């Protein structure tokens, strides 16, 4: 698919296989969006990190800003799939959610 533009405006879109392609291409040109997958620190868990992702796509230009905010997040175990880790990530209105379960480990147990 090819987008032709002039002065920052789309003049034509060619090569799309269906009407959805035009909508997608316009979105990618005007305001590209991405789901952000990453990890967050876990306190007291069987693993030190839990995988997370944004529940919806956020503007691509905000990915680095989101990662800076996410870097400071720590979550207490246990963690459940789908658990909201952070509401309204960087003011986007989009939640950051866990994508796996992490069990709590009792640190008082001795081997």
Foldseek 3Di string as FASTA:
>chain_A
DDFDDDPLHTPDDDDDPDPVVVVQVVCCSPFDWDKDWDWAAEPQWPDGIFIKIWPDTDTPVCRVVLVVVRHPFYYYDFFAFQDFRDACRVVRRITITTHHTIHGDDPPDDD
